[in-house]
Structures are given as structure tokens and as C-alpha cells.
Amino acid sequence: QVQLVESGGGVAQDGGSLTLSCAASGSTFSIYAMRWYRQAPGKEREVVASIYWTGGRTYYASSVEGRFVISGENAKNTVYLQMNSLKPEDTAVYYCNNQDTTGGLYWGQGTQVTVSS
């Protein structure tokens, strides 16, 4: 019913940049918030950034504050994560998450981000 497709992952240099995108599609749904999560090997999944679809309020994990920027394109049901000043510690699988207005949660398949050490 609701599908999320991430793209933009890959390999970056220490200090480099990547931009992730996540496009949502489905029959009938309304976005309440979109979030990016990540999970590194041996680590728990953590929320990286959030954006609320009405009002555009954004929130960031302290580990990425000042380096990453989350943004949304409402008409395209798409969320982006611009990642700057990448560090090896940012290496993880990044997942897009949609929270709809009924409380439903939907996940993308994940995209690998690897930052060279």
C-alpha cells in the first residue's frame, strides 16, 4: 500500500558529502512526519533526523547536528538527507521512515553509506 524507496547511498571520502533521497508512493495516505534512521554494525538503530510535513519542523541527533540537513518536497512525497563533513563513524545502513496521520509506520529497504577511514 505504501512503499518507500531510498537512493543516493554509496562510498564517500572522510570529509566528503552524500545526499540521500526517499520517495514515498501508495494508494491513499497522508504524511505526518518523515525520518531518517541508521544502523551501524554492532549498534542499535538510531534516529538521525526528523521533519514534520506540516510546518517543516526539523530535529537532529546530536552526532549529526551541524553536518546533516533534512528537507522535504511535499508535492513529490520525498524526503532528502544532505550529509556533509562525513566521518567514518557515519558508516551505516540508512533507512527512510514514514509516519502517516493514522499512526502507521512504513520503512524503506535501506541504503548503505560507507565512509572511508
PDB file of N, CA and C in Angstrom:
ATOM      1  N   GLN A   1       0.821  -1.201   0.000  1.00  0.00           N
ATOM      2  CA  GLN A   1       0.000   0.000   0.000  1.00  0.00           C
ATOM      3  C   GLN A   1       0.861   1.261   0.000  1.00  0.00           C
ATOM      4  N   VAL A   2       1.832   1.326   0.905  1.00  0.00           N
ATOM      5  CA  VAL A   2       2.781   2.430   0.947  1.00  0.00           C
ATOM      6  C   VAL A   2       4.171   1.856   0.762  1.00  0.00           C
ATOM      7  N   GLN A   3       4.907   2.437  -0.147  1.00  0.00           N
ATOM      8  CA  GLN A   3       6.240   1.973  -0.466  1.00  0.00           C
ATOM      9  C   GLN A   3       7.226   3.136  -0.382  1.00  0.00           C
ATOM     10  N   LEU A   4       8.382   2.877   0.213  1.00  0.00           N
ATOM     11  CA  LEU A   4       9.435   3.872   0.324  1.00  0.00           C
ATOM     12  C   LEU A   4      10.675   3.332  -0.374  1.00  0.00           C
ATOM     13  N   VAL A   5      11.272   4.147  -1.222  1.00  0.00           N
ATOM     14  CA  VAL A   5      12.463   3.744  -1.951  1.00  0.00           C
ATOM     15  C   VAL A   5      13.565   4.764  -1.705  1.00  0.00           C
ATOM     16  N   GLU A   6      14.661   4.305  -1.073  1.00  0.00           N
ATOM     17  CA  GLU A   6      15.808   5.165  -0.812  1.00  0.00           C
ATOM     18  C   GLU A   6      16.802   5.075  -1.965  1.00  0.00           C
ATOM     19  N   SER A   7      17.537   6.151  -2.160  1.00  0.00           N
ATOM     20  CA  SER A   7      18.617   6.155  -3.124  1.00  0.00           C
ATOM     21  C   SER A   7      19.671   7.156  -2.683  1.00  0.00           C
ATOM     22  N   GLY A   8      20.842   7.070  -3.276  1.00  0.00           N
ATOM     23  CA  GLY A   8      21.903   8.027  -3.022  1.00  0.00           C
ATOM     24  C   GLY A   8      23.031   7.515  -2.156  1.00  0.00           C
ATOM     25  N   GLY A   9      22.891   6.322  -1.608  1.00  0.00           N
ATOM     26  CA  GLY A   9      23.965   5.768  -0.803  1.00  0.00           C
ATOM     27  C   GLY A   9      25.161   5.394  -1.654  1.00  0.00           C
ATOM     28  N   GLY A  10      26.260   5.123  -0.979  1.00  0.00           N
ATOM     29  CA  GLY A  10      27.477   4.759  -1.670  1.00  0.00           C
ATOM     30  C   GLY A  10      28.678   4.940  -0.777  1.00  0.00           C
ATOM     31  N   VAL A  11      29.823   5.125  -1.403  1.00  0.00           N
ATOM     32  CA  VAL A  11      31.084   5.282  -0.694  1.00  0.00           C
ATOM     33  C   VAL A  11      31.539   6.730  -0.796  1.00  0.00           C
ATOM     34  N   ALA A  12      31.924   7.301   0.328  1.00  0.00           N
ATOM     35  CA  ALA A  12      32.413   8.670   0.367  1.00  0.00           C
ATOM     36  C   ALA A  12      33.747   8.737   1.092  1.00  0.00           C
ATOM     37  N   GLN A  13      34.516   9.759   0.780  1.00  0.00           N
ATOM     38  CA  GLN A  13      35.755  10.028   1.488  1.00  0.00           C
ATOM     39  C   GLN A  13      35.464  10.643   2.851  1.00  0.00           C
ATOM     40  N   ASP A  14      36.373  10.445   3.778  1.00  0.00           N
ATOM     41  CA  ASP A  14      36.334  11.171   5.043  1.00  0.00           C
ATOM     42  C   ASP A  14      36.284  12.670   4.728  1.00  0.00           C
ATOM     43  N   GLY A  15      35.271  13.351   5.245  1.00  0.00           N
ATOM     44  CA  GLY A  15      35.091  14.763   4.966  1.00  0.00           C
ATOM     45  C   GLY A  15      34.243  15.065   3.752  1.00  0.00           C
ATOM     46  N   GLY A  16      33.827  14.035   3.033  1.00  0.00           N
ATOM     47  CA  GLY A  16      33.037  14.220   1.836  1.00  0.00           C
ATOM     48  C   GLY A  16      31.563  14.384   2.112  1.00  0.00           C
ATOM     49  N   SER A  17      30.782  14.374   1.032  1.00  0.00           N
ATOM     50  CA  SER A  17      29.343  14.599   1.118  1.00  0.00           C
ATOM     51  C   SER A  17      28.578  13.583   0.289  1.00  0.00           C
ATOM     52  N   LEU A  18      27.387  13.273   0.744  1.00  0.00           N
ATOM     53  CA  LEU A  18      26.421  12.480   0.005  1.00  0.00           C
ATOM     54  C   LEU A  18      25.036  13.029   0.300  1.00  0.00           C
ATOM     55  N   THR A  19      24.120  12.860  -0.646  1.00  0.00           N
ATOM     56  CA  THR A  19      22.732  13.217  -0.422  1.00  0.00           C
ATOM     57  C   THR A  19      21.848  12.008  -0.674  1.00  0.00           C
ATOM     58  N   LEU A  20      21.061  11.644   0.318  1.00  0.00           N
ATOM     59  CA  LEU A  20      20.115  10.550   0.212  1.00  0.00           C
ATOM     60  C   LEU A  20      18.736  11.096  -0.128  1.00  0.00           C
ATOM     61  N   SER A  21      17.957  10.314  -0.845  1.00  0.00           N
ATOM     62  CA  SER A  21      16.574  10.666  -1.099  1.00  0.00           C
ATOM     63  C   SER A  21      15.686   9.467  -0.830  1.00  0.00           C
ATOM     64  N   CYS A  22      14.440   9.744  -0.511  1.00  0.00           N
ATOM     65  CA  CYS A  22      13.458   8.699  -0.236  1.00  0.00           C
ATOM     66  C   CYS A  22      12.127   9.158  -0.793  1.00  0.00           C
ATOM     67  N   ALA A  23      11.603   8.407  -1.741  1.00  0.00           N
ATOM     68  CA  ALA A  23      10.327   8.721  -2.367  1.00  0.00           C
ATOM     69  C   ALA A  23       9.261   7.759  -1.866  1.00  0.00           C
ATOM     70  N   ALA A  24       8.156   8.313  -1.398  1.00  0.00           N
ATOM     71  CA  ALA A  24       7.038   7.523  -0.911  1.00  0.00           C
ATOM     72  C   ALA A  24       5.945   7.463  -1.960  1.00  0.00           C
ATOM     73  N   SER A  25       5.354   6.292  -2.108  1.00  0.00           N
ATOM     74  CA  SER A  25       4.238   6.127  -3.029  1.00  0.00           C
ATOM     75  C   SER A  25       3.236   5.153  -2.425  1.00  0.00           C
ATOM     76  N   GLY A  26       1.988   5.260  -2.857  1.00  0.00           N
ATOM     77  CA  GLY A  26       0.964   4.372  -2.360  1.00  0.00           C
ATOM     78  C   GLY A  26      -0.410   4.828  -2.790  1.00  0.00           C
ATOM     79  N   SER A  27      -1.405   4.091  -2.354  1.00  0.00           N
ATOM     80  CA  SER A  27      -2.780   4.371  -2.746  1.00  0.00           C
ATOM     81  C   SER A  27      -3.317   5.628  -2.065  1.00  0.00           C
ATOM     82  N   THR A  28      -3.644   5.518  -0.785  1.00  0.00           N
ATOM     83  CA  THR A  28      -4.188   6.644  -0.042  1.00  0.00           C
ATOM     84  C   THR A  28      -3.465   6.750   1.297  1.00  0.00           C
ATOM     85  N   PHE A  29      -2.741   7.820   1.478  1.00  0.00           N
ATOM     86  CA  PHE A  29      -2.066   8.076   2.740  1.00  0.00           C
ATOM     87  C   PHE A  29      -1.712   9.548   2.843  1.00  0.00           C
ATOM     88  N   SER A  30      -1.476   9.992   4.054  1.00  0.00           N
ATOM     89  CA  SER A  30      -1.032  11.355   4.326  1.00  0.00           C
ATOM     90  C   SER A  30       0.165  11.298   5.253  1.00  0.00           C
ATOM     91  N   ILE A  31       1.188  12.063   4.933  1.00  0.00           N
ATOM     92  CA  ILE A  31       2.417  12.063   5.709  1.00  0.00           C
ATOM     93  C   ILE A  31       2.279  12.981   6.913  1.00  0.00           C
ATOM     94  N   TYR A  32       2.605  12.436   8.072  1.00  0.00           N
ATOM     95  CA  TYR A  32       2.693  13.240   9.285  1.00  0.00           C
ATOM     96  C   TYR A  32       4.145  13.675   9.518  1.00  0.00           C
ATOM     97  N   ALA A  33       5.060  12.731   9.390  1.00  0.00           N
ATOM     98  CA  ALA A  33       6.477  13.025   9.549  1.00  0.00           C
ATOM     99  C   ALA A  33       7.285  12.034   8.730  1.00  0.00           C
ATOM    100  N   MET A  34       8.451  12.472   8.314  1.00  0.00           N
ATOM    101  CA  MET A  34       9.404  11.593   7.666  1.00  0.00           C
ATOM    102  C   MET A  34      10.686  11.646   8.469  1.00  0.00           C
ATOM    103  N   ARG A  35      11.347  10.502   8.602  1.00  0.00           N
ATOM    104  CA  ARG A  35      12.556  10.401   9.398  1.00  0.00           C
ATOM    105  C   ARG A  35      13.609   9.554   8.694  1.00  0.00           C
ATOM    106  N   TRP A  36      14.836   9.865   8.998  1.00  0.00           N
ATOM    107  CA  TRP A  36      15.954   9.021   8.610  1.00  0.00           C
ATOM    108  C   TRP A  36      16.521   8.346   9.854  1.00  0.00           C
ATOM    109  N   TYR A  37      16.700   7.036   9.767  1.00  0.00           N
ATOM    110  CA  TYR A  37      17.362   6.244  10.785  1.00  0.00           C
ATOM    111  C   TYR A  37      18.632   5.648  10.192  1.00  0.00           C
ATOM    112  N   ARG A  38      19.514   5.202  11.065  1.00  0.00           N
ATOM    113  CA  ARG A  38      20.666   4.456  10.598  1.00  0.00           C
ATOM    114  C   ARG A  38      21.011   3.361  11.591  1.00  0.00           C
ATOM    115  N   GLN A  39      21.648   2.326  11.086  1.00  0.00           N
ATOM    116  CA  GLN A  39      22.107   1.236  11.926  1.00  0.00           C
ATOM    117  C   GLN A  39      23.486   0.807  11.459  1.00  0.00           C
ATOM    118  N   ALA A  40      24.461   0.995  12.332  1.00  0.00           N
ATOM    119  CA  ALA A  40      25.826   0.591  12.060  1.00  0.00           C
ATOM    120  C   ALA A  40      26.054  -0.823  12.586  1.00  0.00           C
ATOM    121  N   PRO A  41      27.046  -1.537  12.043  1.00  0.00           N
ATOM    122  CA  PRO A  41      27.332  -2.884  12.546  1.00  0.00           C
ATOM    123  C   PRO A  41      27.585  -2.883  14.048  1.00  0.00           C
ATOM    124  N   GLY A  42      26.907  -3.764  14.761  1.00  0.00           N
ATOM    125  CA  GLY A  42      27.069  -3.865  16.198  1.00  0.00           C
ATOM    126  C   GLY A  42      26.404  -2.766  16.998  1.00  0.00           C
ATOM    127  N   LYS A  43      25.634  -1.911  16.339  1.00  0.00           N
ATOM    128  CA  LYS A  43      24.983  -0.793  17.012  1.00  0.00           C
ATOM    129  C   LYS A  43      23.471  -0.914  16.901  1.00  0.00           C
ATOM    130  N   GLU A  44      22.773  -0.264  17.824  1.00  0.00           N
ATOM    131  CA  GLU A  44      21.319  -0.185  17.755  1.00  0.00           C
ATOM    132  C   GLU A  44      20.912   0.826  16.691  1.00  0.00           C
ATOM    133  N   ARG A  45      19.743   0.611  16.117  1.00  0.00           N
ATOM    134  CA  ARG A  45      19.193   1.574  15.179  1.00  0.00           C
ATOM    135  C   ARG A  45      18.926   2.889  15.905  1.00  0.00           C
ATOM    136  N   GLU A  46      19.276   3.990  15.273  1.00  0.00           N
ATOM    137  CA  GLU A  46      19.077   5.299  15.879  1.00  0.00           C
ATOM    138  C   GLU A  46      18.462   6.263  14.880  1.00  0.00           C
ATOM    139  N   VAL A  47      17.665   7.182  15.390  1.00  0.00           N
ATOM    140  CA  VAL A  47      17.096   8.207  14.535  1.00  0.00           C
ATOM    141  C   VAL A  47      18.149   9.275  14.285  1.00  0.00           C
ATOM    142  N   VAL A  48      18.272   9.671  13.044  1.00  0.00           N
ATOM    143  CA  VAL A  48      19.257  10.655  12.633  1.00  0.00           C
ATOM    144  C   VAL A  48      18.630  12.044  12.520  1.00  0.00           C
ATOM    145  N   ALA A  49      17.472  12.118  11.863  1.00  0.00           N
ATOM    146  CA  ALA A  49      16.818  13.397  11.623  1.00  0.00           C
ATOM    147  C   ALA A  49      15.346  13.168  11.361  1.00  0.00           C
ATOM    148  N   SER A  50      14.539  14.166  11.698  1.00  0.00           N
ATOM    149  CA  SER A  50      13.095  14.117  11.502  1.00  0.00           C
ATOM    150  C   SER A  50      12.625  15.412  10.882  1.00  0.00           C
ATOM    151  N   ILE A  51      11.569  15.322  10.084  1.00  0.00           N
ATOM    152  CA  ILE A  51      10.915  16.508   9.561  1.00  0.00           C
ATOM    153  C   ILE A  51       9.411  16.293   9.610  1.00  0.00           C
ATOM    154  N   TYR A  52       8.689  17.282  10.140  1.00  0.00           N
ATOM    155  CA  TYR A  52       7.236  17.228  10.201  1.00  0.00           C
ATOM    156  C   TYR A  52       6.666  17.903   8.967  1.00  0.00           C
ATOM    157  N   TRP A  53       5.737  17.184   8.306  1.00  0.00           N
ATOM    158  CA  TRP A  53       5.305  17.599   6.968  1.00  0.00           C
ATOM    159  C   TRP A  53       4.537  18.905   6.952  1.00  0.00           C
ATOM    160  N   THR A  54       3.808  19.170   8.020  1.00  0.00           N
ATOM    161  CA  THR A  54       3.134  20.451   8.166  1.00  0.00           C
ATOM    162  C   THR A  54       3.953  21.321   9.111  1.00  0.00           C
ATOM    163  N   GLY A  55       4.429  22.432   8.593  1.00  0.00           N
ATOM    164  CA  GLY A  55       5.241  23.339   9.381  1.00  0.00           C
ATOM    165  C   GLY A  55       6.725  23.196   9.128  1.00  0.00           C
ATOM    166  N   GLY A  56       7.157  22.004   8.737  1.00  0.00           N
ATOM    167  CA  GLY A  56       8.543  21.792   8.370  1.00  0.00           C
ATOM    168  C   GLY A  56       9.533  21.789   9.527  1.00  0.00           C
ATOM    169  N   ARG A  57       9.063  21.560  10.742  1.00  0.00           N
ATOM    170  CA  ARG A  57       9.970  21.482  11.881  1.00  0.00           C
ATOM    171  C   ARG A  57      10.943  20.324  11.707  1.00  0.00           C
ATOM    172  N   THR A  58      12.180  20.557  12.054  1.00  0.00           N
ATOM    173  CA  THR A  58      13.222  19.543  11.903  1.00  0.00           C
ATOM    174  C   THR A  58      13.932  19.294  13.218  1.00  0.00           C
ATOM    175  N   TYR A  59      14.441  18.076  13.373  1.00  0.00           N
ATOM    176  CA  TYR A  59      15.169  17.669  14.561  1.00  0.00           C
ATOM    177  C   TYR A  59      16.331  16.790  14.122  1.00  0.00           C
ATOM    178  N   TYR A  60      17.442  16.898  14.853  1.00  0.00           N
ATOM    179  CA  TYR A  60      18.646  16.170  14.506  1.00  0.00           C
ATOM    180  C   TYR A  60      19.251  15.500  15.723  1.00  0.00           C
ATOM    181  N   ALA A  61      19.822  14.332  15.500  1.00  0.00           N
ATOM    182  CA  ALA A  61      20.644  13.722  16.527  1.00  0.00           C
ATOM    183  C   ALA A  61      21.873  14.588  16.762  1.00  0.00           C
ATOM    184  N   SER A  62      22.335  14.633  17.997  1.00  0.00           N
ATOM    185  CA  SER A  62      23.478  15.479  18.320  1.00  0.00           C
ATOM    186  C   SER A  62      24.716  15.105  17.512  1.00  0.00           C
ATOM    187  N   SER A  63      24.833  13.841  17.142  1.00  0.00           N
ATOM    188  CA  SER A  63      26.004  13.379  16.415  1.00  0.00           C
ATOM    189  C   SER A  63      26.086  13.931  14.991  1.00  0.00           C
ATOM    190  N   VAL A  64      24.962  14.413  14.452  1.00  0.00           N
ATOM    191  CA  VAL A  64      24.952  14.924  13.080  1.00  0.00           C
ATOM    192  C   VAL A  64      24.566  16.393  12.999  1.00  0.00           C
ATOM    193  N   GLU A  65      24.170  16.983  14.103  1.00  0.00           N
ATOM    194  CA  GLU A  65      23.783  18.390  14.126  1.00  0.00           C
ATOM    195  C   GLU A  65      24.905  19.252  13.562  1.00  0.00           C
ATOM    196  N   GLY A  66      24.545  20.124  12.635  1.00  0.00           N
ATOM    197  CA  GLY A  66      25.522  20.997  12.012  1.00  0.00           C
ATOM    198  C   GLY A  66      26.199  20.411  10.799  1.00  0.00           C
ATOM    199  N   ARG A  67      26.026  19.111  10.565  1.00  0.00           N
ATOM    200  CA  ARG A  67      26.635  18.454   9.409  1.00  0.00           C
ATOM    201  C   ARG A  67      25.593  17.951   8.404  1.00  0.00           C
ATOM    202  N   PHE A  68      24.454  17.475   8.898  1.00  0.00           N
ATOM    203  CA  PHE A  68      23.410  16.921   8.044  1.00  0.00           C
ATOM    204  C   PHE A  68      22.235  17.878   7.975  1.00  0.00           C
ATOM    205  N   VAL A  69      21.523  17.870   6.853  1.00  0.00           N
ATOM    206  CA  VAL A  69      20.324  18.681   6.673  1.00  0.00           C
ATOM    207  C   VAL A  69      19.221  17.812   6.106  1.00  0.00           C
ATOM    208  N   ILE A  70      18.074  17.770   6.788  1.00  0.00           N
ATOM    209  CA  ILE A  70      16.915  17.054   6.288  1.00  0.00           C
ATOM    210  C   ILE A  70      15.956  18.058   5.651  1.00  0.00           C
ATOM    211  N   SER A  71      15.367  17.686   4.534  1.00  0.00           N
ATOM    212  CA  SER A  71      14.403  18.541   3.868  1.00  0.00           C
ATOM    213  C   SER A  71      13.355  17.671   3.194  1.00  0.00           C
ATOM    214  N   GLY A  72      12.214  18.268   2.886  1.00  0.00           N
ATOM    215  CA  GLY A  72      11.139  17.539   2.245  1.00  0.00           C
ATOM    216  C   GLY A  72      10.579  18.298   1.066  1.00  0.00           C
ATOM    217  N   GLU A  73      10.106  17.549   0.094  1.00  0.00           N
ATOM    218  CA  GLU A  73       9.424  18.108  -1.065  1.00  0.00           C
ATOM    219  C   GLU A  73       8.021  17.517  -1.051  1.00  0.00           C
ATOM    220  N   ASN A  74       7.074  18.291  -0.543  1.00  0.00           N
ATOM    221  CA  ASN A  74       5.739  17.789  -0.256  1.00  0.00           C
ATOM    222  C   ASN A  74       5.041  17.230  -1.493  1.00  0.00           C
ATOM    223  N   ALA A  75       5.106  17.964  -2.600  1.00  0.00           N
ATOM    224  CA  ALA A  75       4.392  17.558  -3.807  1.00  0.00           C
ATOM    225  C   ALA A  75       4.909  16.242  -4.369  1.00  0.00           C
ATOM    226  N   LYS A  76       6.141  15.890  -4.044  1.00  0.00           N
ATOM    227  CA  LYS A  76       6.745  14.651  -4.534  1.00  0.00           C
ATOM    228  C   LYS A  76       6.757  13.551  -3.489  1.00  0.00           C
ATOM    229  N   ASN A  77       6.232  13.826  -2.288  1.00  0.00           N
ATOM    230  CA  ASN A  77       6.293  12.868  -1.178  1.00  0.00           C
ATOM    231  C   ASN A  77       7.708  12.329  -1.004  1.00  0.00           C
ATOM    232  N   THR A  78       8.657  13.242  -1.005  1.00  0.00           N
ATOM    233  CA  THR A  78      10.060  12.869  -0.988  1.00  0.00           C
ATOM    234  C   THR A  78      10.788  13.597   0.136  1.00  0.00           C
ATOM    235  N   VAL A  79      11.639  12.868   0.835  1.00  0.00           N
ATOM    236  CA  VAL A  79      12.483  13.441   1.872  1.00  0.00           C
ATOM    237  C   VAL A  79      13.939  13.247   1.469  1.00  0.00           C
ATOM    238  N   TYR A  80      14.770  14.216   1.819  1.00  0.00           N
ATOM    239  CA  TYR A  80      16.185  14.189   1.487  1.00  0.00           C
ATOM    240  C   TYR A  80      17.018  14.288   2.758  1.00  0.00           C
ATOM    241  N   LEU A  81      18.211  13.761   2.695  1.00  0.00           N
ATOM    242  CA  LEU A  81      19.186  13.947   3.757  1.00  0.00           C
ATOM    243  C   LEU A  81      20.511  14.318   3.120  1.00  0.00           C
ATOM    244  N   GLN A  82      20.880  15.589   3.245  1.00  0.00           N
ATOM    245  CA  GLN A  82      22.171  16.053   2.772  1.00  0.00           C
ATOM    246  C   GLN A  82      23.185  15.847   3.881  1.00  0.00           C
ATOM    247  N   MET A  83      24.202  15.062   3.598  1.00  0.00           N
ATOM    248  CA  MET A  83      25.199  14.700   4.587  1.00  0.00           C
ATOM    249  C   MET A  83      26.527  15.329   4.187  1.00  0.00           C
ATOM    250  N   ASN A  84      27.021  16.206   5.030  1.00  0.00           N
ATOM    251  CA  ASN A  84      28.283  16.897   4.798  1.00  0.00           C
ATOM    252  C   ASN A  84      29.289  16.521   5.881  1.00  0.00           C
ATOM    253  N   SER A  85      30.547  16.787   5.598  1.00  0.00           N
ATOM    254  CA  SER A  85      31.627  16.521   6.554  1.00  0.00           C
ATOM    255  C   SER A  85      31.532  15.111   7.117  1.00  0.00           C
ATOM    256  N   LEU A  86      31.357  14.156   6.227  1.00  0.00           N
ATOM    257  CA  LEU A  86      31.156  12.773   6.642  1.00  0.00           C
ATOM    258  C   LEU A  86      32.371  12.229   7.377  1.00  0.00           C
ATOM    259  N   LYS A  87      32.103  11.392   8.355  1.00  0.00           N
ATOM    260  CA  LYS A  87      33.115  10.743   9.168  1.00  0.00           C
ATOM    261  C   LYS A  87      32.962   9.234   9.043  1.00  0.00           C
ATOM    262  N   PRO A  88      34.031   8.473   9.284  1.00  0.00           N
ATOM    263  CA  PRO A  88      33.896   7.015   9.274  1.00  0.00           C
ATOM    264  C   PRO A  88      32.802   6.508  10.209  1.00  0.00           C
ATOM    265  N   GLU A  89      32.565   7.208  11.309  1.00  0.00           N
ATOM    266  CA  GLU A  89      31.526   6.825  12.254  1.00  0.00           C
ATOM    267  C   GLU A  89      30.122   6.938  11.677  1.00  0.00           C
ATOM    268  N   ASP A  90      29.969   7.617  10.545  1.00  0.00           N
ATOM    269  CA  ASP A  90      28.674   7.714   9.881  1.00  0.00           C
ATOM    270  C   ASP A  90      28.351   6.480   9.047  1.00  0.00           C
ATOM    271  N   THR A  91      29.300   5.580   8.899  1.00  0.00           N
ATOM    272  CA  THR A  91      29.078   4.365   8.123  1.00  0.00           C
ATOM    273  C   THR A  91      27.943   3.553   8.737  1.00  0.00           C
ATOM    274  N   ALA A  92      26.925   3.265   7.939  1.00  0.00           N
ATOM    275  CA  ALA A  92      25.744   2.561   8.420  1.00  0.00           C
ATOM    276  C   ALA A  92      24.811   2.307   7.256  1.00  0.00           C
ATOM    277  N   VAL A  93      23.798   1.493   7.508  1.00  0.00           N
ATOM    278  CA  VAL A  93      22.665   1.399   6.601  1.00  0.00           C
ATOM    279  C   VAL A  93      21.664   2.458   7.030  1.00  0.00           C
ATOM    280  N   TYR A  94      21.266   3.293   6.094  1.00  0.00           N
ATOM    281  CA  TYR A  94      20.339   4.377   6.370  1.00  0.00           C
ATOM    282  C   TYR A  94      18.950   3.995   5.873  1.00  0.00           C
ATOM    283  N   TYR A  95      17.957   4.169   6.742  1.00  0.00           N
ATOM    284  CA  TYR A  95      16.578   3.797   6.447  1.00  0.00           C
ATOM    285  C   TYR A  95      15.672   5.015   6.490  1.00  0.00           C
ATOM    286  N   CYS A  96      14.801   5.118   5.518  1.00  0.00           N
ATOM    287  CA  CYS A  96      13.757   6.122   5.497  1.00  0.00           C
ATOM    288  C   CYS A  96      12.524   5.568   6.201  1.00  0.00           C
ATOM    289  N   ASN A  97      11.858   6.403   6.981  1.00  0.00           N
ATOM    290  CA  ASN A  97      10.643   6.006   7.678  1.00  0.00           C
ATOM    291  C   ASN A  97       9.562   7.055   7.480  1.00  0.00           C
ATOM    292  N   ASN A  98       8.362   6.590   7.181  1.00  0.00           N
ATOM    293  CA  ASN A  98       7.192   7.455   7.071  1.00  0.00           C
ATOM    294  C   ASN A  98       6.232   7.171   8.208  1.00  0.00           C
ATOM    295  N   GLN A  99       5.839   8.197   8.933  1.00  0.00           N
ATOM    296  CA  GLN A  99       4.757   8.125   9.906  1.00  0.00           C
ATOM    297  C   GLN A  99       3.557   8.819   9.278  1.00  0.00           C
ATOM    298  N   ASP A 100       2.474   8.062   9.031  1.00  0.00           N
ATOM    299  CA  ASP A 100       1.315   8.687   8.423  1.00  0.00           C
ATOM    300  C   ASP A 100       0.371   9.223   9.496  1.00  0.00           C
ATOM    301  N   THR A 101      -0.677   9.913   9.063  1.00  0.00           N
ATOM    302  CA  THR A 101      -1.552  10.611  10.003  1.00  0.00           C
ATOM    303  C   THR A 101      -2.465   9.675  10.781  1.00  0.00           C
ATOM    304  N   THR A 102      -2.503   8.390  10.417  1.00  0.00           N
ATOM    305  CA  THR A 102      -3.259   7.395  11.175  1.00  0.00           C
ATOM    306  C   THR A 102      -2.387   6.653  12.184  1.00  0.00           C
ATOM    307  N   GLY A 103      -1.117   6.961  12.226  1.00  0.00           N
ATOM    308  CA  GLY A 103      -0.186   6.285  13.107  1.00  0.00           C
ATOM    309  C   GLY A 103       0.576   5.145  12.470  1.00  0.00           C
ATOM    310  N   GLY A 104       0.309   4.867  11.210  1.00  0.00           N
ATOM    311  CA  GLY A 104       1.023   3.813  10.531  1.00  0.00           C
ATOM    312  C   GLY A 104       2.478   4.166  10.306  1.00  0.00           C
ATOM    313  N   LEU A 105       3.333   3.155  10.329  1.00  0.00           N
ATOM    314  CA  LEU A 105       4.764   3.320  10.108  1.00  0.00           C
ATOM    315  C   LEU A 105       5.200   2.471   8.924  1.00  0.00           C
ATOM    316  N   TYR A 106       5.972   3.078   8.043  1.00  0.00           N
ATOM    317  CA  TYR A 106       6.437   2.392   6.841  1.00  0.00           C
ATOM    318  C   TYR A 106       7.929   2.620   6.685  1.00  0.00           C
ATOM    319  N   TRP A 107       8.630   1.579   6.245  1.00  0.00           N
ATOM    320  CA  TRP A 107      10.081   1.599   6.151  1.00  0.00           C
ATOM    321  C   TRP A 107      10.550   1.336   4.739  1.00  0.00           C
ATOM    322  N   GLY A 108      11.618   2.007   4.368  1.00  0.00           N
ATOM    323  CA  GLY A 108      12.306   1.688   3.138  1.00  0.00           C
ATOM    324  C   GLY A 108      13.226   0.493   3.319  1.00  0.00           C
ATOM    325  N   GLN A 109      13.851   0.074   2.234  1.00  0.00           N
ATOM    326  CA  GLN A 109      14.693  -1.119   2.261  1.00  0.00           C
ATOM    327  C   GLN A 109      16.082  -0.853   2.817  1.00  0.00           C
ATOM    328  N   GLY A 110      16.454   0.397   2.926  1.00  0.00           N
ATOM    329  CA  GLY A 110      17.757   0.776   3.417  1.00  0.00           C
ATOM    330  C   GLY A 110      18.750   0.999   2.298  1.00  0.00           C
ATOM    331  N   THR A 111      19.678   1.899   2.529  1.00  0.00           N
ATOM    332  CA  THR A 111      20.755   2.152   1.584  1.00  0.00           C
ATOM    333  C   THR A 111      22.063   2.282   2.355  1.00  0.00           C
ATOM    334  N   GLN A 112      23.098   1.616   1.860  1.00  0.00           N
ATOM    335  CA  GLN A 112      24.377   1.572   2.553  1.00  0.00           C
ATOM    336  C   GLN A 112      25.168   2.843   2.304  1.00  0.00           C
ATOM    337  N   VAL A 113      25.670   3.434   3.379  1.00  0.00           N
ATOM    338  CA  VAL A 113      26.606   4.548   3.304  1.00  0.00           C
ATOM    339  C   VAL A 113      27.904   4.103   3.962  1.00  0.00           C
ATOM    340  N   THR A 114      28.992   4.178   3.220  1.00  0.00           N
ATOM    341  CA  THR A 114      30.297   3.794   3.728  1.00  0.00           C
ATOM    342  C   THR A 114      31.246   4.978   3.591  1.00  0.00           C
ATOM    343  N   VAL A 115      31.883   5.356   4.685  1.00  0.00           N
ATOM    344  CA  VAL A 115      32.828   6.466   4.693  1.00  0.00           C
ATOM    345  C   VAL A 115      34.209   5.905   5.007  1.00  0.00           C
ATOM    346  N   SER A 116      35.151   6.159   4.132  1.00  0.00           N
ATOM    347  CA  SER A 116      36.493   5.614   4.277  1.00  0.00           C
ATOM    348  C   SER A 116      37.193   6.182   5.503  1.00  0.00           C
ATOM    349  N   SER A 117      38.000   5.355   6.136  1.00  0.00           N
ATOM    350  CA  SER A 117      38.706   5.760   7.340  1.00  0.00           C
ATOM    351  C   SER A 117      40.116   6.225   7.034  1.00  0.00           C
TER     352      SER A 117
END
